[in-house]
Amino acid sequence: MEKELPKGWVETEIDNLFYLVYGKGLLTKDLIEDGYDVYGANGIIGKYSKYLYKDSKVIISCRGAGCGIIHRTKPFAYVTSNSIVFEEISANHINLDFIKYALESIDKEDVITGTAQPQITIQLLKNLQIPFPPLREQKRIVAKLDTLFGHLDALKTRLDRIPQLLKDFRQKVLTQAVTGKLTEKLNKWDKIKLGDLVLKGGIFDGPFGSNLKTEDYTTKGIRVVRLENIEHLNFIENKSTFVSDEKYDTLLRHTVIEGDIIFSSFISEDIRACILPEIKTKAIAKADCFCIRPNESLVNKKYLLFFLVSNNAFNQLVTKIHGATRPRINTTQLKTLVISLPELREQQEIVRRVESLFAKADQIEASYQKLKAKIEQLPQALLAKAFRGELVEQLPTDGDVQELLEEIRKAKAGLEKGGRTKKIKGNEEMRMVAEDEVRYGK
């Protein structure tokens, strides 16, 4: 069944509208700091002293990871051989932004081939059919889409601030919690080193070096808790590694159990620590995963965890990190961390209030994720609506698209009959010469 088109539209192949050519090869060493923009596979990759195209063009990346990315170049730009250029057959017959939007609306699988090295060929693009309305309607569609996408970009910018705002909110809650501002009670707070708040031998590291090697890992057996499992206040369950029972027997002293606090030794922008949940098997910690086993007669483990990931703890520990490429601390330094500690009853109240505030933040984050998912679908929904002819009103003064196509066909026939080769050659020579009096932006 043929796709139903809006009144006055036709579906036509790209080959009827453009000459498609690959960009020109260019070596990385030819790029300079100042000059004309160079468009590569993913957009502007540098500057060049000469420009290839005086006028703005629509291009589509045809190789590699960026395959299928569509750009409208700036005037006076160079296009590398990683992209295909849409050269107009006849000026003023097609709105280039309309073509860009039309290409963005298609399913990229229709034109991309290959898996290890995705690519688009000129022949595939030539045969691609797009819906094509009269020129005036093209311009109205572009204007409407420009406005809507502008609003959408502004909305995305505002939404993109939410994750950081929530992160700042949670950290502020933690700061108030461990400094007494969240409860504002007058009970005495003590300053106690972490090493004095754990059970005997309650802070230890995983096995280093040859004690546990990659070849020791198995597909089942005793669980190995690794850095990949530790997030800020969360344990990532789905990244599972194991060792055999026999190997475990040599690593018994590194055993971790449900309720232990697992702490990442690597400290950069923040601290990663979490409470170990119930695990179906026995478990050990890997190197750089510190185990902290609190003495719960002295400290509430959740309160302690909140303190460990607070800015208070970070500010103390960041001065002790060592290692240039992977900044870390050791267990000796961790034991000296000074904990601000109220009585147990107030610790419990602090935990309750923190969890209540975090739950509200989680609700906001869940709503944000749902809204973000919907917004990410909007561009294609808007494009689909535009190319169904439902975005702008059709007017009787728009003209006849068949006449427009006929004008383009005649222009193409004229070039191919008498002068296209000479014209393209002349354009090539003109485009490849830098004009000192012409500068980008003028």
Protein backbone atom coordinates (compact mmCIF):
# COMPACT_ATOMS: atom_id res chain seq x y z
CA MET A 1 0.00 0.00 0.00
CA GLU A 2 1.47 3.34 -1.05
CA LYS A 3 1.97 6.03 1.55
CA GLU A 4 -0.74 8.68 1.36
CA LEU A 5 0.71 12.12 0.73
CA PRO A 6 -0.78 15.53 1.51
CA LYS A 7 -2.55 17.30 -1.33
CA GLY A 8 -0.10 18.95 -3.70
CA TRP A 9 2.89 16.85 -2.54
CA VAL A 10 4.88 14.22 -4.42
CA GLU A 11 7.38 11.61 -3.34
CA THR A 12 10.60 11.91 -5.29
CA GLU A 13 14.09 10.47 -5.28
CA ILE A 14 17.01 12.53 -3.98
CA ASP A 15 18.66 12.00 -7.38
CA ASN A 16 15.95 14.17 -8.94
CA LEU A 17 16.81 17.09 -6.66
CA PHE A 18 20.59 17.10 -6.15
CA TYR A 19 23.95 16.08 -7.47
CA LEU A 20 25.55 13.98 -4.72
CA VAL A 21 29.34 14.12 -4.38
CA TYR A 22 31.82 13.01 -1.74
CA GLY A 23 33.83 15.67 0.04
CA LYS A 24 37.55 15.96 -0.63
CA GLY A 25 40.38 14.17 1.17
CA LEU A 26 42.26 16.24 3.74
CA LEU A 27 45.14 15.27 6.03
CA THR A 28 45.07 16.08 9.74
CA LYS A 29 48.38 17.93 9.36
CA ASP A 30 46.65 20.37 7.01
CA LEU A 31 44.36 21.65 9.77
CA ILE A 32 45.21 25.02 11.28
CA GLU A 33 44.02 27.06 14.27
CA ASP A 34 42.38 29.84 12.26
CA GLY A 35 40.76 29.74 8.85
CA TYR A 36 37.69 28.18 7.24
CA ASP A 37 35.60 25.53 9.03
CA VAL A 38 36.29 21.91 8.08
CA TYR A 39 33.41 19.44 8.37
CA GLY A 40 34.36 15.84 9.09
CA ALA A 41 32.39 12.78 10.14
CA ASN A 42 30.91 14.38 13.28
CA GLY A 43 30.80 18.06 12.41
CA ILE A 44 33.44 20.80 12.53
CA ILE A 45 36.84 19.20 13.16
CA GLY A 46 39.16 22.14 12.56
CA LYS A 47 40.15 24.98 10.25
CA TYR A 48 41.75 25.11 6.81
CA SER A 49 43.31 27.91 4.77
CA LYS A 50 41.09 27.23 1.73
CA TYR A 51 37.39 26.66 1.41
CA LEU A 52 35.72 24.11 -0.83
CA TYR A 53 32.16 25.49 -0.77
CA LYS A 54 31.40 29.17 -0.82
CA ASP A 55 27.72 28.65 -0.01
CA SER A 56 26.12 26.66 2.80
CA LYS A 57 25.45 22.99 1.97
CA VAL A 58 23.57 20.05 3.39
CA ILE A 59 25.95 17.17 4.12
CA ILE A 60 25.52 13.71 5.62
CA SER A 61 28.29 11.76 7.34
CA CYS A 62 28.86 8.57 5.37
CA ARG A 63 31.44 6.60 7.37
CA GLY A 64 32.22 5.41 10.88
CA ALA A 65 30.52 5.95 14.22
CA GLY A 66 28.97 9.26 13.13
CA CYS A 67 27.42 7.72 10.03
CA GLY A 68 24.05 9.31 9.28
CA ILE A 69 24.64 12.59 11.14
CA ILE A 70 23.29 15.48 9.06
CA HIS A 71 24.64 19.03 9.04
CA ARG A 72 23.96 22.32 7.35
CA THR A 73 27.43 23.79 6.88
CA LYS A 74 28.38 27.38 7.46
CA PRO A 75 29.26 29.44 4.37
CA PHE A 76 32.89 29.14 3.24
CA ALA A 77 33.49 25.63 4.52
CA TYR A 78 35.55 22.59 3.58
CA VAL A 79 33.93 19.13 3.58
CA THR A 80 36.12 16.04 3.97
CA SER A 81 35.63 12.72 2.20
CA ASN A 82 33.82 11.37 5.29
CA SER A 83 30.68 13.19 4.15
CA ILE A 84 28.43 13.34 1.11
CA VAL A 85 27.51 16.80 -0.16
CA PHE A 86 24.10 17.69 -1.61
CA GLU A 87 24.88 20.06 -4.49
CA GLU A 88 21.86 21.94 -5.81
CA ILE A 89 20.96 21.35 -9.43
CA SER A 90 19.30 24.74 -9.61
CA ALA A 91 19.42 27.48 -7.02
CA ASN A 92 16.22 28.84 -5.43
CA HIS A 93 14.14 25.75 -6.20
CA ILE A 94 14.66 23.89 -2.92
CA ASN A 95 14.85 25.00 0.70
CA LEU A 96 18.01 23.31 2.03
CA ASP A 97 16.79 23.33 5.63
CA PHE A 98 13.69 21.47 4.46
CA ILE A 99 15.95 18.80 2.95
CA LYS A 100 17.96 18.59 6.18
CA TYR A 101 14.78 18.06 8.19
CA ALA A 102 13.53 15.52 5.64
CA LEU A 103 16.74 13.51 5.96
CA GLU A 104 16.51 13.65 9.76
CA SER A 105 13.01 12.20 9.59
CA ILE A 106 13.98 9.04 7.73
CA ASP A 107 14.92 5.71 9.27
CA LYS A 108 18.72 5.63 9.03
CA GLU A 109 18.61 1.87 8.46
CA ASP A 110 17.22 2.65 5.02
CA VAL A 111 20.53 4.15 3.92
CA ILE A 112 23.21 2.76 6.27
CA THR A 113 24.99 -0.48 5.39
CA GLY A 114 27.62 -2.50 7.26
CA THR A 115 27.92 -3.25 10.96
CA ALA A 116 31.61 -3.16 11.91
CA GLN A 117 32.11 -0.06 9.74
CA PRO A 118 28.75 1.61 9.01
CA GLN A 119 28.61 3.58 5.77
CA ILE A 120 26.28 5.38 3.40
CA THR A 121 26.88 5.31 -0.33
CA ILE A 122 25.87 7.87 -2.90
CA GLN A 123 23.87 5.24 -4.76
CA LEU A 124 21.78 4.44 -1.69
CA LEU A 125 21.05 8.14 -1.19
CA LYS A 126 20.20 8.68 -4.83
CA ASN A 127 17.40 6.12 -4.63
CA LEU A 128 16.06 7.44 -1.32
CA GLN A 129 12.58 8.89 -1.69
CA ILE A 130 11.39 11.86 0.35
CA PRO A 131 8.04 13.72 0.47
CA PHE A 132 8.31 16.98 -1.45
CA PRO A 133 5.84 19.92 -1.24
CA PRO A 134 5.80 23.25 -3.10
CA LEU A 135 8.62 25.64 -2.20
CA ARG A 136 6.46 28.07 -0.23
CA GLU A 137 5.14 25.26 1.93
CA GLN A 138 8.69 24.00 2.41
CA LYS A 139 9.63 27.40 3.82
CA ARG A 140 6.64 27.49 6.19
CA ILE A 141 7.41 23.98 7.46
CA VAL A 142 11.03 24.97 8.11
CA ALA A 143 10.00 28.14 9.94
CA LYS A 144 7.57 26.18 12.14
CA LEU A 145 10.10 23.43 12.88
CA ASP A 146 12.80 26.01 13.67
CA THR A 147 10.47 27.65 16.19
CA LEU A 148 9.38 24.37 17.78
CA PHE A 149 12.92 22.98 18.00
CA GLY A 150 14.06 26.28 19.49
CA HIS A 151 11.44 25.91 22.24
CA LEU A 152 12.47 22.28 22.67
CA ASP A 153 16.15 23.16 23.03
CA ALA A 154 15.30 25.79 25.65
CA LEU A 155 13.25 23.22 27.56
CA LYS A 156 16.06 20.67 27.38
CA THR A 157 18.51 23.25 28.72
CA ARG A 158 16.30 23.87 31.73
CA LEU A 159 15.69 20.16 32.29
CA ASP A 160 19.39 19.37 32.05
CA ARG A 161 19.91 21.38 35.23
CA ILE A 162 17.69 19.09 37.29
CA PRO A 163 20.18 16.22 37.91
CA GLN A 164 22.78 18.66 39.26
CA LEU A 165 20.16 20.47 41.35
CA LEU A 166 19.08 17.14 42.87
CA LYS A 167 22.69 16.16 43.50
CA ASP A 168 23.32 19.50 45.22
CA PHE A 169 20.12 19.10 47.24
CA ARG A 170 21.08 15.62 48.47
CA GLN A 171 24.58 16.77 49.39
CA LYS A 172 23.16 19.76 51.27
CA VAL A 173 20.85 17.42 53.18
CA LEU A 174 23.85 15.26 54.11
CA THR A 175 25.85 18.29 55.21
CA GLN A 176 23.02 19.48 57.44
CA ALA A 177 22.52 15.95 58.75
CA VAL A 178 26.11 15.39 59.92
CA THR A 179 26.52 18.89 61.36
CA GLY A 180 23.38 18.80 63.49
CA LYS A 181 21.45 21.38 61.47
CA LEU A 182 18.86 18.87 60.29
CA THR A 183 17.66 18.08 63.81
CA GLU A 184 18.93 21.19 65.66
CA LYS A 185 18.92 19.41 68.99
CA LEU A 186 21.07 20.48 71.91
CA ASN A 187 22.45 17.05 72.70
CA LYS A 188 26.20 16.76 72.86
CA TRP A 189 28.01 15.67 69.69
CA ASP A 190 31.34 13.87 69.97
CA LYS A 191 34.28 13.76 67.57
CA ILE A 192 35.43 10.15 67.17
CA LYS A 193 37.84 8.55 64.73
CA LEU A 194 36.31 5.98 62.41
CA GLY A 195 38.75 3.34 63.63
CA ASP A 196 37.15 3.58 67.10
CA LEU A 197 33.61 3.01 65.77
CA VAL A 198 34.13 -0.40 64.15
CA LEU A 199 34.35 -3.93 65.45
CA LYS A 200 37.78 -5.49 65.95
CA GLY A 201 39.46 -5.74 62.53
CA GLY A 202 36.43 -3.96 61.14
CA ILE A 203 38.25 -1.95 58.44
CA PHE A 204 40.08 -3.99 55.81
CA ASP A 205 40.92 -4.07 52.12
CA GLY A 206 40.55 -6.74 49.46
CA PRO A 207 43.44 -8.94 48.25
CA PHE A 208 46.11 -7.25 46.14
CA GLY A 209 48.30 -8.40 43.27
CA SER A 210 48.85 -12.10 42.72
CA ASN A 211 46.54 -13.02 45.60
CA LEU A 212 43.58 -12.49 43.23
CA LYS A 213 44.16 -12.40 39.49
CA THR A 214 41.82 -12.13 36.52
CA GLU A 215 42.35 -15.80 35.68
CA ASP A 216 40.97 -16.71 39.12
CA TYR A 217 37.49 -15.49 38.14
CA THR A 218 34.76 -18.02 37.40
CA THR A 219 31.17 -17.87 36.16
CA LYS A 220 29.76 -19.02 39.51
CA GLY A 221 30.83 -19.68 43.08
CA ILE A 222 31.83 -17.08 45.69
CA ARG A 223 30.89 -13.49 44.82
CA VAL A 224 33.64 -10.89 44.39
CA VAL A 225 32.60 -7.32 45.26
CA ARG A 226 34.42 -4.95 42.89
CA LEU A 227 34.68 -1.20 42.36
CA GLU A 228 32.12 -1.53 39.54
CA ASN A 229 29.55 -2.54 42.18
CA ILE A 230 29.97 0.60 44.27
CA GLU A 231 27.96 3.74 43.57
CA HIS A 232 27.16 6.76 45.72
CA LEU A 233 24.82 5.15 48.30
CA ASN A 234 23.91 2.30 45.92
CA PHE A 235 25.16 -1.24 45.29
CA ILE A 236 25.08 -2.29 41.63
CA GLU A 237 23.91 -5.88 41.71
CA ASN A 238 24.01 -6.83 38.02
CA LYS A 239 27.80 -6.70 37.59
CA SER A 240 28.74 -10.11 38.97
CA THR A 241 32.15 -11.76 39.32
CA PHE A 242 32.98 -15.00 41.17
CA VAL A 243 35.83 -17.23 42.36
CA SER A 244 35.81 -20.94 43.14
CA ASP A 245 35.31 -22.35 46.63
CA GLU A 246 38.95 -23.48 46.59
CA LYS A 247 40.20 -19.97 45.84
CA TYR A 248 37.89 -18.53 48.48
CA ASP A 249 39.51 -20.75 51.12
CA THR A 250 42.75 -18.79 50.59
CA LEU A 251 40.98 -15.41 50.93
CA LEU A 252 38.79 -15.94 54.00
CA ARG A 253 40.01 -12.83 55.80
CA HIS A 254 38.60 -10.66 53.00
CA THR A 255 35.05 -11.95 53.52
CA VAL A 256 32.31 -9.31 53.52
CA ILE A 257 28.78 -9.82 54.81
CA GLU A 258 25.36 -8.21 54.51
CA GLY A 259 25.29 -4.87 56.31
CA ASP A 260 28.98 -4.07 55.81
CA ILE A 261 29.77 -0.66 54.35
CA ILE A 262 31.75 -1.02 51.13
CA PHE A 263 33.93 2.00 50.42
CA SER A 264 35.82 2.83 47.20
CA SER A 265 39.43 3.81 47.86
CA PHE A 266 39.44 6.07 44.78
CA ILE A 267 38.39 9.62 45.57
CA SER A 268 38.06 12.28 42.88
CA GLU A 269 34.95 14.45 42.69
CA ASP A 270 33.05 12.59 45.40
CA ILE A 271 33.06 9.48 47.58
CA ARG A 272 31.45 6.21 46.55
CA ALA A 273 30.20 4.01 49.35
CA CYS A 274 27.17 1.80 50.00
CA ILE A 275 25.77 -0.79 52.38
CA LEU A 276 26.21 -4.35 51.12
CA PRO A 277 22.74 -5.87 50.58
CA GLU A 278 21.85 -9.52 50.99
CA ILE A 279 23.86 -11.67 48.57
CA LYS A 280 22.89 -15.25 47.75
CA THR A 281 26.44 -16.55 48.10
CA LYS A 282 29.41 -15.82 50.36
CA ALA A 283 31.42 -12.82 49.20
CA ILE A 284 34.85 -11.22 49.35
CA ALA A 285 35.96 -7.68 48.59
CA LYS A 286 38.45 -7.02 45.81
CA ALA A 287 41.46 -4.73 46.13
CA ASP A 288 40.59 -1.05 46.65
CA CYS A 289 37.16 -1.99 48.00
CA PHE A 290 37.38 -1.23 51.70
CA CYS A 291 35.08 -3.01 54.12
CA ILE A 292 33.84 -1.02 57.13
CA ARG A 293 32.05 -3.12 59.75
CA PRO A 294 30.45 -0.71 62.27
CA ASN A 295 30.02 -1.38 65.98
CA GLU A 296 26.26 -0.80 66.03
CA SER A 297 26.24 -0.25 69.78
CA LEU A 298 28.09 2.98 69.05
CA VAL A 299 26.95 4.10 65.61
CA ASN A 300 23.96 3.63 63.33
CA LYS A 301 25.38 2.13 60.11
CA LYS A 302 23.13 4.29 57.89
CA TYR A 303 24.17 7.43 59.75
CA LEU A 304 27.79 6.40 59.33
CA LEU A 305 27.25 5.83 55.61
CA PHE A 306 25.65 9.26 55.25
CA PHE A 307 28.66 10.81 56.99
CA LEU A 308 31.12 8.90 54.80
CA VAL A 309 29.61 10.27 51.57
CA SER A 310 29.15 13.81 52.89
CA ASN A 311 31.30 16.82 52.01
CA ASN A 312 32.55 16.76 55.60
CA ALA A 313 34.25 13.40 55.00
CA PHE A 314 35.36 14.34 51.48
CA ASN A 315 37.09 17.51 52.70
CA GLN A 316 39.02 15.50 55.27
CA LEU A 317 40.06 12.67 52.97
CA VAL A 318 40.86 14.64 49.82
CA THR A 319 43.94 16.08 51.55
CA LYS A 320 45.27 12.55 52.07
CA ILE A 321 44.90 11.07 48.61
CA HIS A 322 47.97 9.84 46.75
CA GLY A 323 48.60 8.55 43.26
CA ALA A 324 48.81 10.73 40.16
CA THR A 325 46.63 8.78 37.72
CA ARG A 326 44.24 7.11 40.18
CA PRO A 327 43.98 9.19 43.38
CA ARG A 328 43.26 6.91 46.34
CA ILE A 329 43.54 6.62 50.09
CA ASN A 330 44.51 3.61 52.21
CA THR A 331 42.85 1.95 55.20
CA THR A 332 45.24 3.62 57.67
CA GLN A 333 44.15 7.04 56.46
CA LEU A 334 40.50 5.99 56.47
CA LYS A 335 40.71 4.92 60.12
CA THR A 336 41.76 8.47 61.09
CA LEU A 337 38.65 10.06 59.58
CA VAL A 338 36.95 12.10 62.31
CA ILE A 339 33.21 11.41 62.64
CA SER A 340 30.79 13.94 64.14
CA LEU A 341 28.59 11.73 66.31
CA PRO A 342 25.42 12.48 68.32
CA GLU A 343 23.78 9.91 70.57
CA LEU A 344 22.17 6.87 68.91
CA ARG A 345 18.61 8.15 69.25
CA GLU A 346 19.48 11.34 67.37
CA GLN A 347 21.40 9.32 64.76
CA GLN A 348 18.23 7.32 64.12
CA GLU A 349 16.15 10.49 63.79
CA ILE A 350 18.69 11.97 61.38
CA VAL A 351 18.55 8.81 59.27
CA ARG A 352 14.75 8.96 59.20
CA ARG A 353 14.74 12.59 58.06
CA VAL A 354 17.46 12.09 55.45
CA GLU A 355 15.63 9.09 53.98
CA SER A 356 12.38 11.06 53.89
CA LEU A 357 13.99 13.97 52.04
CA PHE A 358 15.86 11.62 49.70
CA ALA A 359 12.58 9.83 48.90
CA LYS A 360 11.08 13.14 47.78
CA ALA A 361 14.15 13.83 45.65
CA ASP A 362 13.81 10.34 44.15
CA GLN A 363 10.20 11.09 43.19
CA ILE A 364 11.28 14.29 41.45
CA GLU A 365 14.05 12.40 39.66
CA ALA A 366 11.63 9.69 38.51
CA SER A 367 9.29 12.36 37.12
CA TYR A 368 12.25 14.02 35.43
CA GLN A 369 13.32 10.75 33.79
CA LYS A 370 9.79 10.15 32.45
CA LEU A 371 9.58 13.70 31.10
CA LYS A 372 13.06 13.44 29.58
CA ALA A 373 12.10 10.20 27.80
CA LYS A 374 9.00 11.88 26.34
CA ILE A 375 10.97 14.93 25.24
CA GLU A 376 13.59 12.75 23.55
CA GLN A 377 10.80 11.31 21.41
CA LEU A 378 9.40 14.71 20.45
CA PRO A 379 11.83 15.58 17.62
CA GLN A 380 10.88 12.52 15.57
CA ALA A 381 7.21 13.03 16.43
CA LEU A 382 7.39 16.64 15.19
CA LEU A 383 9.22 15.61 12.03
CA ALA A 384 6.69 12.85 11.35
CA LYS A 385 3.87 15.33 11.74
CA ALA A 386 5.63 17.83 9.47
CA PHE A 387 6.11 15.30 6.69
CA ARG A 388 2.52 14.12 6.92
CA GLY A 389 1.58 17.68 6.01
CA GLU A 390 -0.04 18.30 9.41
CA LEU A 391 2.27 20.95 10.86
CA VAL A 392 1.33 24.01 8.79
CA GLU A 393 -1.69 25.06 6.78
CA GLN A 394 -1.65 24.38 3.05
CA LEU A 395 -2.45 27.45 0.94
CA PRO A 396 -3.83 27.69 -2.60
CA THR A 397 -1.08 30.21 -3.40
CA ASP A 398 1.71 27.67 -2.74
CA GLY A 399 2.02 26.77 -6.40
CA ASP A 400 2.30 23.47 -8.20
CA VAL A 401 5.02 21.09 -7.00
CA GLN A 402 4.95 19.31 -10.36
CA GLU A 403 5.93 22.55 -12.07
CA LEU A 404 8.74 22.95 -9.52
CA LEU A 405 10.03 19.45 -10.25
CA GLU A 406 9.83 20.12 -13.99
CA GLU A 407 11.95 23.26 -13.59
CA ILE A 408 14.56 21.26 -11.67
CA ARG A 409 14.45 18.49 -14.30
CA LYS A 410 15.01 20.98 -17.11
CA ALA A 411 17.88 22.60 -15.24
CA LYS A 412 19.49 19.18 -14.72
CA ALA A 413 19.00 18.23 -18.37
CA GLY A 414 20.58 21.49 -19.48
CA LEU A 415 23.65 20.94 -17.30
CA GLU A 416 24.10 17.36 -18.43
CA LYS A 417 23.59 18.18 -22.12
CA GLY A 418 25.84 21.13 -22.59
CA GLY A 419 27.85 22.35 -19.64
CA ARG A 420 27.78 20.37 -16.45
CA THR A 421 31.34 19.00 -16.73
CA LYS A 422 32.76 22.39 -17.61
CA LYS A 423 30.66 24.14 -14.97
CA ILE A 424 31.62 21.73 -12.17
CA LYS A 425 35.28 21.96 -13.14
CA GLY A 426 35.11 25.73 -13.12
CA ASN A 427 33.30 25.74 -9.77
CA GLU A 428 35.91 23.39 -8.37
CA GLU A 429 38.72 25.71 -9.33
CA MET A 430 36.83 28.68 -7.94
CA ARG A 431 35.96 26.94 -4.68
CA MET A 432 39.47 25.69 -4.02
CA VAL A 433 40.99 29.17 -4.19
CA ALA A 434 41.00 31.15 -0.94
CA GLU A 435 39.87 34.73 -1.36
CA ASP A 436 41.68 36.94 1.13
CA GLU A 437 39.00 39.59 0.99
CA VAL A 438 36.31 37.05 1.97
CA ARG A 439 36.25 36.05 5.59
CA TYR A 440 33.78 33.91 7.48
CA GLY A 441 30.99 36.01 8.96
CA LYS A 442 31.23 38.84 6.40
